[in-house]
Amino acid sequence: MATRVVAATRLPDLLLHSVSSTMFLPPPPPPLLLLLLLITITAAVEVKRPRGVSLTNHHFYDKSKPFTCLDGSSTIPFDQVNDDYCDCQDGSDEPGTAACPEGRFHCTNAGYKPHYIPSSRVNDGICDCCDATDEYNSGVVCENTCREMGRKEKETLEQMAEVAREGFRLKKILIEEGKKGQEEKRIKLLGLQESKKTLEEQVAMLRAVKEEAEKPEKESKERHQRLWEEQQAAAIAARDQEQAASAFQELDDNTDGVISVAELQTHPELDPDGDGALSEAEAQAFLGEALQVDAAGFREGLWAAIKDKYQQESLPTMPPLTETTVEEILETPEEPSPTEDEDEGPGLEEEAEEDEDDEEESPEEDKETLPPQPVKVDEEVEKDKMPPYDERTQAYIDAAQEARDHFEEAEKSLTEMEESIRNLEQEMALDLGPSGEFSYLFGQCYELSTNEYIYRLCPFNRVTQKPNHGGSETNLGTWGSWDASEEEKFHVMHYEHGTGCWQGPNRSTKVKLVCGKETVVTSATEPSRCEYLMELVTPAACQEPPPESAGDPDHDEL
């Protein structure tokens, strides 16, 4: 009798749950149990399976034979399925109850997306399934919201599908433009390479012309320099001889044609030990073993030894008066002698006053009549300046300079052309997508402003960050590569080796590419220290959408 009661009370759990049902109520009283069973059996047209079992697993639950746990741990009578007692370790015998901690309840959710929930949520008073099938015996009345959720989901999916279709349409245009751009670059590169050859020949020719023009220029300039140096040397030698002759005459006090030790001693500035006097021994040292020296010997030997210290007697040794010194001298009144003051009588007072007036006025007059101090020009500096080139040498210089100008201009053009070729080759070598769809991003920059920073992404170049309220720009990474994994390749960009963090690594940025109709940076975050994540919406990331199904748009799982 007890067995029959248990079997009778478990009958509702063995019934199929209909996908089309909208409300699940607590089990009816026992008198109505048989009637409900008959109605359910006659009305059910769906695949029969225990409550909480999905369509994909229904073949494991055949009530005509014992049930084997899905993990194979044991086999039990089928009437122990959903009996609110856990017999299988994996909980597969209780898909419709909360008996097993590892159990899973399948929400059919007709009109929306089916999914699993933990069996512990079955009949817990909270509606987890949108079709309310998880609260069949909790007393809670749940509204079936699957149709409404399915409608919203469908609208969202349609919008996403529209974006994907439009984005892919734009992507095909970008691919065609990329192919044209790549071909244009290829043609441009060939043209630059041909022009480079021509320019190289021109540079070589102009170099030869320049070198040929520089030969007579160099020879003429060297000749001019050599002649000037010879003239300088001759002039210096002549001045030196003049100074030596003048010095000999001054030192030869008795004009006997020779200079003796005594005559040398008249010039104490020649003192070698700095004691202010030229002793006889020191003077004799200049003459050597000779007691005197004539003019020839003086020029050839003695003059070279003393000329650095020798001072001409005729040259003044007083320093020139400064402007202040002249004024002080002029402003100092001349004191009258006592004798003259005593001799002056009363009748001469008026003359004395007039003389005093004249004396007071005389300094001003003298000051005005003083000649201006001449500015001394350093004649030695002027003499050391090389004279201008003669007409022939200047003509050679002008011709060589013109040749240099032409050569340097051509060489500069060649350098710029080589730089253009290198840049173009680097650009063409970039991996811009399987069909070149990302080529339009090269050379462009996109910005995103946040509360704190302005982020700037220049694809295939670099990523930067700059404070909103002024400050220097920070490099968040330069172009490295696409993501190495096949799943993420052409979906994630890597920018590396940015500005180093304080006591941390160099900054780096990952840029995730998302399908969209426009090209815009939508987010920038720093999930880890010095590691940034950005999102770039672009049509180039759109994949070809699947063909639209011609079936019933309201088709459900059942």
Foldseek 3Di string as FASTA:
>chain_A
DVVVVLLLVCVVQQWADDPPDWWAEADDPSVCSVVVVVVRVVPDPDDGAGAQDDPVCRVQLDLVAWHAPPVRPDTGHSSQQCSLAQDDQCSPSNSLAQNHQNHWGWQQLWLADIDIDGRVQQLPQDQPHLSSSSNNHNRHIHGNCSNVVSVVVVVVVVVVVVFLQLLLVVLVVLLVVLVVVLVVLVVVLVVLVVVLVVLVVVLVVLVVQLVVLVVVLVVQVVVLVVVLVVVVVVVVVVVLLVVLVLVQVQLPPVPPQKHFLVSVQVFQLQCPVPPSGQDSVNSCVLVDPDGIGGSVCSSVGSCVSRVVRDDDPVDDPDDDDDPVRLLVVLPDQDDDDPVVVVPDDPVCPVVVVVVVVCSVCVSVVVVVPDDDDDDDDDVVVVSPDRDDRDPVSVVSVVSSVVSVVVSVVSVVVSVVSVVVSVVSVVLSPDCCDPSNSNSVLAPDKAWDDDPFWIWIDRPQAFIWIAGPVDDDIWTQFTFDAADPDPVCGVQKTKGDQTCQDDVGGHAIEIEGEDEGNDWHWDDWDPPDVSYIYTYTYHSSPRDDDDDDDPDDPSDTPD
